[in-house]
Amino acid sequence: MNRDETARNSAQVIRASSLTRRSANIRVNPPSPAAVSVSYDALLLISFGGPERSRDVIPFLENVVRGKEVPRERLLAVAEHYELFGGFSPSNAQNRALLAALVNELNAHGPALPVYWGNRHWHPMLADTLRQMADDGIQHALAFVTSAFSSYPGCRAYLEDIEHARQEVGENAPQVDKLRVFYNHPGFIEPMAERLQAALAEIPAERRTAARVIYTAHSLPLAMAQACPYQQQLREACRLVSERVGLRDWQLVYQSRSGPPSQPWLEPDIGNYLRQWAGDHPGGDVVVVPIGFVSEHMEIVYDLDLATRSVCEQLRLNMVRAAVVGCHGRFVQMIRELINERIQPYPERLALGPDGPFPDHCPPDCCPGS
């Protein structure tokens, strides 16, 4: 696919329609008195990206590790994970579905913004999408990033890639402002609680109360994790979801670590935790909740559905994996609410728990990469 085809396929135009407000029986944080209305003329969906055929796997992975010292054999080993699924990552398909859901949501309720989609590491590439936006006359866009938590790979790296793409496009590149982190927004917590309840329902009623609920998220190098609020936000999201379903006992674990064995990463690793837990609970039930991810991709279908399930089978544990939020209607509605926060002079800023809503703009030194 050439650049023009990629850019054309990334854009969806939303019809103008009236704006409606939703009422909810949740805590609503008061608007900031300093809130300023800014004129935006587009929404940009930004995600990680993923290959959709075998011949794209290595080029995609080379994009991901560009500028990093990653041994070639490690790259080939990861490529084998994709080949088990025909070289196909579900990431792009998930983003197309989310894009369509956003178009429908904004068509029905406003605001009347055109919606574009660009990826960090595979087509449609972010720079190509920004170039198309510039050609369409877009000047100032809001960006929704498919990451709920604050960390270098989940937030700052997106901001850096936005700026790199703008530099590539040149002086006509639109300004892009990222929507705030949403780990404690009811539009994320409520769907995750529904996903957890649905997974628990798959366990026979007589064993359900003894089932172990395990929340999982992508591991990070320990030094990187200690320099950002990633762990605290994860624990708060787990607490909020658990509270909603009446769950008192749960565990947060980490998965998908990479890098040299000598480098400490966040623990416990999900496999190690399961091996320890199984020793005291032979034949037990575990519900794995991928709270650190909002869409299906290789860290879900390989690391959880294949590798972690294999560990559970070896340990004779019954594993049920909860779904990601994906295109849940409340999640899509949340994105519209986050947009409204930024375009209305006195917006409602919804959040659950004591943290309140995350700021719109991150400090310049937040979430360092090393």
Protein backbone atom coordinates (compact mmCIF):
# COMPACT_ATOMS: atom_id res chain seq x y z
CA MET A 1 0.00 0.00 0.00
CA ASN A 2 1.49 3.35 -0.97
CA ARG A 3 1.53 6.46 1.19
CA ASP A 4 -1.53 8.09 -0.39
CA GLU A 5 -3.60 4.91 -0.09
CA THR A 6 -2.57 4.47 3.54
CA ALA A 7 -3.48 8.02 4.43
CA ARG A 8 -6.81 7.92 2.60
CA ASN A 9 -7.78 4.70 4.38
CA SER A 10 -6.92 6.15 7.78
CA ALA A 11 -9.52 8.90 7.76
CA GLN A 12 -13.21 8.77 8.54
CA VAL A 13 -15.37 11.88 8.37
CA ILE A 14 -18.06 12.41 10.97
CA ARG A 15 -21.31 14.18 10.19
CA ALA A 16 -22.39 17.14 12.30
CA SER A 17 -24.93 16.35 14.99
CA SER A 18 -26.17 17.79 18.26
CA LEU A 19 -24.34 17.21 21.52
CA THR A 20 -26.05 15.40 24.39
CA ARG A 21 -24.99 15.10 28.03
CA ARG A 22 -25.06 11.86 29.99
CA SER A 23 -26.00 11.70 33.65
CA ALA A 24 -24.47 9.02 35.88
CA ASN A 25 -24.59 8.03 39.53
CA ILE A 26 -20.86 8.47 40.03
CA ARG A 27 -18.58 11.04 41.54
CA VAL A 28 -18.06 14.00 39.20
CA ASN A 29 -14.97 16.08 39.80
CA PRO A 30 -15.62 19.81 39.52
CA PRO A 31 -14.27 21.65 36.51
CA SER A 32 -11.11 23.64 36.85
CA PRO A 33 -11.82 27.38 37.07
CA ALA A 34 -8.86 27.85 34.74
CA ALA A 35 -10.42 25.66 32.03
CA VAL A 36 -10.00 27.31 28.66
CA SER A 37 -11.95 26.40 25.54
CA VAL A 38 -9.63 25.50 22.65
CA SER A 39 -10.79 25.07 19.09
CA TYR A 40 -10.10 21.58 17.73
CA ASP A 41 -10.90 20.41 14.24
CA ALA A 42 -10.16 16.65 14.32
CA LEU A 43 -9.69 13.56 16.49
CA LEU A 44 -6.64 11.34 15.98
CA LEU A 45 -6.65 7.72 17.18
CA ILE A 46 -3.06 6.62 17.87
CA SER A 47 -2.01 3.05 18.61
CA PHE A 48 1.04 0.80 18.54
CA GLY A 49 0.22 -0.99 15.30
CA GLY A 50 0.84 -4.55 14.19
CA PRO A 51 1.54 -6.67 11.09
CA GLU A 52 -1.27 -8.32 9.16
CA ARG A 53 0.76 -10.73 6.98
CA SER A 54 3.91 -12.80 7.41
CA ARG A 55 6.17 -10.71 5.21
CA ASP A 56 5.49 -7.64 7.37
CA VAL A 57 6.47 -9.20 10.70
CA ILE A 58 10.23 -8.55 10.60
CA PRO A 59 9.88 -5.00 9.15
CA PHE A 60 7.33 -4.23 11.88
CA LEU A 61 9.62 -5.56 14.61
CA GLU A 62 12.54 -3.62 13.16
CA ASN A 63 10.43 -0.47 13.48
CA VAL A 64 9.67 -1.32 17.11
CA VAL A 65 13.32 -1.81 18.12
CA ARG A 66 14.87 0.89 15.93
CA GLY A 67 17.56 2.70 17.90
CA LYS A 68 17.77 -0.07 20.52
CA GLU A 69 20.45 -2.72 20.91
CA VAL A 70 18.32 -5.82 20.39
CA PRO A 71 20.08 -9.02 19.24
CA ARG A 72 18.87 -10.33 15.88
CA GLU A 73 18.12 -13.73 17.41
CA ARG A 74 15.74 -12.07 19.86
CA LEU A 75 13.93 -10.41 16.96
CA LEU A 76 13.61 -13.75 15.16
CA ALA A 77 12.32 -15.43 18.31
CA VAL A 78 9.57 -12.83 18.70
CA ALA A 79 8.75 -13.14 15.00
CA GLU A 80 7.99 -16.82 15.59
CA HIS A 81 5.22 -15.79 17.96
CA TYR A 82 3.53 -13.91 15.12
CA GLU A 83 4.06 -16.78 12.69
CA LEU A 84 2.06 -19.06 15.00
CA PHE A 85 -0.89 -16.83 14.08
CA GLY A 86 -0.08 -16.61 10.37
CA GLY A 87 1.90 -13.39 10.76
CA PHE A 88 -1.27 -11.62 11.84
CA SER A 89 -1.66 -9.37 14.85
CA PRO A 90 -5.23 -8.53 15.91
CA SER A 91 -4.13 -4.97 16.76
CA ASN A 92 -5.08 -3.25 13.51
CA ALA A 93 -8.42 -5.04 13.27
CA GLN A 94 -9.21 -3.90 16.81
CA ASN A 95 -8.32 -0.33 15.90
CA ARG A 96 -10.52 -0.40 12.82
CA ALA A 97 -13.40 -1.57 14.98
CA LEU A 98 -12.72 1.16 17.54
CA LEU A 99 -12.48 3.73 14.76
CA ALA A 100 -15.87 2.68 13.39
CA ALA A 101 -17.41 2.75 16.87
CA LEU A 102 -16.03 6.25 17.45
CA VAL A 103 -17.45 7.44 14.16
CA ASN A 104 -20.88 6.09 15.14
CA GLU A 105 -20.68 7.59 18.63
CA LEU A 106 -19.73 11.04 17.41
CA ASN A 107 -22.24 10.92 14.59
CA ALA A 108 -24.95 10.20 17.14
CA HIS A 109 -23.92 12.63 19.89
CA GLY A 110 -21.21 14.98 18.60
CA PRO A 111 -18.91 16.80 18.60
CA ALA A 112 -18.72 16.89 14.81
CA LEU A 113 -15.04 16.09 14.27
CA PRO A 114 -13.39 14.10 11.49
CA VAL A 115 -11.56 11.07 12.89
CA TYR A 116 -8.14 9.89 11.71
CA TRP A 117 -6.04 6.88 12.67
CA GLY A 118 -2.25 6.54 12.75
CA ASN A 119 0.12 3.98 14.32
CA ARG A 120 3.55 4.34 15.85
CA HIS A 121 5.11 1.25 14.26
CA TRP A 122 3.02 0.01 11.33
CA HIS A 123 0.62 1.19 8.67
CA PRO A 124 -1.21 3.49 8.74
CA MET A 125 1.94 5.23 10.00
CA LEU A 126 1.49 8.31 12.15
CA ALA A 127 3.49 10.60 9.86
CA ASP A 128 1.43 9.53 6.82
CA THR A 129 -1.77 10.26 8.71
CA LEU A 130 -0.55 13.69 9.85
CA ARG A 131 0.43 14.45 6.27
CA GLN A 132 -3.10 13.58 5.13
CA MET A 133 -4.54 15.72 7.92
CA ALA A 134 -2.40 18.64 6.80
CA ASP A 135 -3.58 18.15 3.22
CA ASP A 136 -7.16 18.20 4.52
CA GLY A 137 -6.57 21.52 6.25
CA ILE A 138 -6.55 20.17 9.82
CA GLN A 139 -4.75 22.56 12.15
CA HIS A 140 -5.34 21.42 15.75
CA ALA A 141 -6.30 17.85 16.66
CA LEU A 142 -7.01 15.93 19.84
CA ALA A 143 -5.36 12.53 20.13
CA PHE A 144 -6.71 9.44 21.89
CA VAL A 145 -3.93 6.98 22.71
CA THR A 146 -4.80 3.32 23.34
CA SER A 147 -3.06 3.24 26.73
CA ALA A 148 -4.79 3.87 30.04
CA PHE A 149 -1.73 4.34 32.25
CA SER A 150 1.22 6.71 32.68
CA SER A 151 4.59 5.26 31.72
CA TYR A 152 7.30 5.89 29.17
CA PRO A 153 5.99 3.34 26.61
CA GLY A 154 2.35 4.08 27.39
CA CYS A 155 2.43 7.89 27.32
CA ARG A 156 5.69 9.76 26.84
CA ALA A 157 6.80 7.63 23.87
CA TYR A 158 3.53 8.52 22.13
CA LEU A 159 4.16 12.22 22.72
CA GLU A 160 7.67 11.88 21.34
CA ASP A 161 6.44 10.02 18.26
CA ILE A 162 3.80 12.68 17.65
CA GLU A 163 6.52 15.33 17.59
CA HIS A 164 8.79 13.23 15.37
CA ALA A 165 5.91 12.74 12.92
CA ARG A 166 5.12 16.47 12.95
CA GLN A 167 8.76 17.26 12.18
CA GLU A 168 8.68 14.79 9.30
CA VAL A 169 5.56 16.44 7.86
CA GLY A 170 6.98 19.92 8.25
CA GLU A 171 5.58 23.37 8.96
CA ASN A 172 2.05 22.51 7.83
CA ALA A 173 1.74 19.65 10.32
CA PRO A 174 -1.26 20.05 12.65
CA GLN A 175 -0.78 20.64 16.35
CA VAL A 176 -1.78 17.52 18.32
CA ASP A 177 -2.86 17.52 21.99
CA LYS A 178 -3.17 14.18 23.77
CA LEU A 179 -6.29 13.41 25.83
CA ARG A 180 -5.64 12.67 29.49
CA VAL A 181 -4.80 9.31 31.04
CA PHE A 182 -8.01 7.46 31.92
CA TYR A 183 -7.06 4.63 34.32
CA ASN A 184 -9.67 5.72 36.88
CA HIS A 185 -12.35 7.01 34.52
CA PRO A 186 -15.70 5.20 34.98
CA GLY A 187 -15.75 4.59 31.24
CA PHE A 188 -12.74 2.31 31.69
CA ILE A 189 -13.49 0.83 35.13
CA GLU A 190 -17.13 -0.09 34.44
CA PRO A 191 -16.42 -2.11 31.27
CA MET A 192 -13.49 -3.87 32.94
CA ALA A 193 -15.75 -4.83 35.83
CA GLU A 194 -18.26 -6.26 33.33
CA ARG A 195 -15.49 -8.22 31.63
CA LEU A 196 -14.39 -9.62 34.99
CA GLN A 197 -17.93 -10.58 35.98
CA ALA A 198 -18.43 -12.37 32.65
CA ALA A 199 -15.20 -14.32 33.18
CA LEU A 200 -16.16 -15.29 36.73
CA ALA A 201 -19.50 -16.55 35.40
CA GLU A 202 -17.61 -19.16 33.35
CA ILE A 203 -16.49 -20.86 36.56
CA PRO A 204 -18.99 -23.26 38.18
CA ALA A 205 -20.88 -21.52 40.97
CA GLU A 206 -19.68 -23.91 43.66
CA ARG A 207 -16.03 -23.03 42.88
CA ARG A 208 -16.41 -19.36 42.05
CA THR A 209 -15.71 -17.86 45.47
CA ALA A 210 -12.40 -19.74 45.66
CA ALA A 211 -11.24 -18.60 42.22
CA ARG A 212 -8.11 -16.45 42.17
CA VAL A 213 -8.43 -13.19 40.26
CA ILE A 214 -5.13 -12.09 38.73
CA TYR A 215 -4.80 -8.69 37.08
CA THR A 216 -1.97 -8.45 34.60
CA ALA A 217 -0.11 -5.63 32.86
CA HIS A 218 3.02 -5.24 30.77
CA SER A 219 6.17 -5.34 32.88
CA LEU A 220 8.66 -2.46 32.76
CA PRO A 221 12.30 -2.10 33.76
CA LEU A 222 12.28 -1.36 37.47
CA ALA A 223 14.16 1.94 37.12
CA MET A 224 11.66 3.16 34.53
CA ALA A 225 8.67 2.05 36.63
CA GLN A 226 9.97 3.82 39.74
CA ALA A 227 10.15 7.12 37.84
CA CYS A 228 6.46 7.20 36.89
CA PRO A 229 3.04 6.53 38.50
CA TYR A 230 2.46 3.34 36.47
CA GLN A 231 2.36 0.91 39.41
CA GLN A 232 0.20 3.17 41.58
CA GLN A 233 -2.29 3.73 38.77
CA LEU A 234 -2.46 0.01 38.03
CA ARG A 235 -3.13 -0.85 41.66
CA GLU A 236 -5.83 1.82 41.86
CA ALA A 237 -7.53 0.55 38.70
CA CYS A 238 -7.44 -3.01 40.08
CA ARG A 239 -8.92 -1.79 43.35
CA LEU A 240 -11.71 0.12 41.61
CA VAL A 241 -12.67 -2.83 39.40
CA SER A 242 -12.54 -5.23 42.35
CA GLU A 243 -14.63 -2.93 44.48
CA ARG A 244 -17.28 -2.74 41.77
CA VAL A 245 -17.68 -6.54 41.64
CA GLY A 246 -17.42 -7.02 45.41
CA LEU A 247 -14.00 -8.66 45.28
CA ARG A 248 -11.70 -8.26 48.28
CA ASP A 249 -8.78 -10.50 47.41
CA TRP A 250 -6.84 -10.15 44.15
CA GLN A 251 -3.31 -10.02 42.81
CA LEU A 252 -1.54 -7.74 40.34
CA VAL A 253 1.15 -9.47 38.26
CA TYR A 254 3.23 -8.56 35.23
CA GLN A 255 3.90 -10.16 31.87
CA SER A 256 5.76 -9.84 28.55
CA ARG A 257 9.08 -8.69 29.98
CA SER A 258 12.03 -8.45 27.61
CA GLY A 259 15.58 -7.17 27.81
CA PRO A 260 18.67 -8.76 29.40
CA PRO A 261 18.10 -11.07 32.39
CA SER A 262 20.49 -8.92 34.45
CA GLN A 263 18.10 -5.94 34.27
CA PRO A 264 15.47 -5.96 37.04
CA TRP A 265 11.87 -5.63 35.87
CA LEU A 266 8.54 -5.34 37.66
CA GLU A 267 7.46 -8.51 39.42
CA PRO A 268 5.84 -10.90 40.14
CA ASP A 269 5.91 -12.47 36.70
CA ILE A 270 2.58 -14.12 35.94
CA GLY A 271 4.12 -17.54 35.28
CA ASN A 272 6.13 -17.52 38.49
CA TYR A 273 3.12 -16.37 40.49
CA LEU A 274 0.93 -19.13 39.06
CA ARG A 275 3.52 -21.78 39.91
CA GLN A 276 3.69 -20.55 43.48
CA TRP A 277 -0.09 -20.28 43.87
CA ALA A 278 -0.74 -23.70 42.36
CA GLY A 279 1.35 -25.36 45.06
CA ASP A 280 -1.26 -24.43 47.66
CA HIS A 281 -4.29 -24.66 45.36
CA PRO A 282 -4.04 -27.81 43.23
CA GLY A 283 -6.78 -27.96 40.64
CA GLY A 284 -7.80 -24.37 41.37
CA ASP A 285 -9.43 -21.77 39.14
CA VAL A 286 -7.74 -18.56 38.02
CA VAL A 287 -9.26 -15.59 36.23
CA VAL A 288 -6.68 -13.57 34.31
CA VAL A 289 -7.73 -9.94 33.76
CA PRO A 290 -5.54 -8.01 31.26
CA ILE A 291 -6.21 -4.65 32.86
CA GLY A 292 -3.06 -3.13 31.43
CA PHE A 293 -4.31 -3.49 27.85
CA VAL A 294 -7.32 -1.98 26.10
CA SER A 295 -7.21 -4.08 22.91
CA GLU A 296 -6.19 -7.51 21.65
CA HIS A 297 -2.64 -7.87 20.34
CA MET A 298 0.28 -10.28 20.59
CA GLU A 299 0.84 -9.70 24.32
CA ILE A 300 -2.67 -11.05 24.78
CA VAL A 301 -3.08 -13.80 22.18
CA TYR A 302 0.44 -15.26 22.59
CA ASP A 303 1.60 -14.31 26.08
CA LEU A 304 -1.73 -15.01 27.78
CA ASP A 305 -3.92 -17.19 25.58
CA LEU A 306 -1.07 -19.47 24.52
CA ALA A 307 1.93 -19.26 26.87
CA THR A 308 0.14 -18.56 30.17
CA ARG A 309 -2.62 -21.04 29.37
CA SER A 310 0.04 -23.66 28.71
CA VAL A 311 1.53 -22.99 32.15
CA CYS A 312 -1.92 -23.38 33.72
CA GLU A 313 -2.46 -26.68 31.92
CA GLN A 314 0.88 -27.97 33.19
CA LEU A 315 -0.10 -26.93 36.71
CA ARG A 316 -3.63 -28.39 36.29
CA LEU A 317 -5.21 -24.99 36.88
CA ASN A 318 -8.42 -23.96 35.15
CA MET A 319 -7.73 -20.59 33.51
CA VAL A 320 -10.38 -18.17 32.31
CA ARG A 321 -9.17 -15.03 30.55
CA ALA A 322 -11.32 -11.91 30.81
CA ALA A 323 -11.82 -9.85 27.66
CA VAL A 324 -10.23 -6.43 27.15
CA VAL A 325 -12.45 -3.34 27.03
CA GLY A 326 -12.12 -3.24 23.23
CA CYS A 327 -15.13 -1.50 21.71
CA HIS A 328 -17.39 -1.70 24.76
CA GLY A 329 -20.05 0.98 24.39
CA ARG A 330 -19.21 2.66 27.69
CA PHE A 331 -15.54 2.82 26.73
CA VAL A 332 -16.36 4.46 23.41
CA GLN A 333 -18.63 6.89 25.24
CA MET A 334 -15.72 7.68 27.58
CA ILE A 335 -13.61 8.82 24.63
CA ARG A 336 -16.38 11.24 23.64
CA GLU A 337 -16.50 12.52 27.23
CA LEU A 338 -12.74 13.08 27.23
CA ILE A 339 -13.12 15.07 24.00
CA ASN A 340 -15.90 17.17 25.51
CA GLU A 341 -13.67 17.98 28.49
CA ARG A 342 -11.25 19.70 26.18
CA ILE A 343 -13.64 21.55 23.89
CA GLN A 344 -16.15 22.87 26.41
CA PRO A 345 -15.23 25.88 28.60
CA TYR A 346 -16.61 24.30 31.82
CA PRO A 347 -16.37 20.54 31.34
CA GLU A 348 -17.28 17.70 33.67
CA ARG A 349 -14.18 15.67 34.47
CA LEU A 350 -15.25 12.20 35.53
CA ALA A 351 -13.05 10.09 37.78
CA LEU A 352 -13.44 7.42 40.46
CA GLY A 353 -11.53 7.14 43.71
CA PRO A 354 -9.38 9.63 45.60
CA ASP A 355 -6.90 10.42 42.81
CA GLY A 356 -9.32 12.55 40.82
CA PRO A 357 -8.90 13.19 37.10
CA PHE A 358 -5.39 13.14 35.69
CA PRO A 359 -4.13 16.50 34.34
CA ASP A 360 -4.59 17.26 30.65
CA HIS A 361 -0.89 18.00 30.16
CA CYS A 362 1.98 15.94 31.55
CA PRO A 363 4.98 17.73 33.11
CA PRO A 364 7.97 18.03 30.76
CA ASP A 365 10.02 15.57 32.89
CA CYS A 366 7.31 12.94 33.41
CA CYS A 367 7.81 9.22 32.71
CA PRO A 368 11.47 9.25 31.61
CA GLY A 369 12.63 6.47 29.34
CA SER A 370 15.61 5.48 31.46
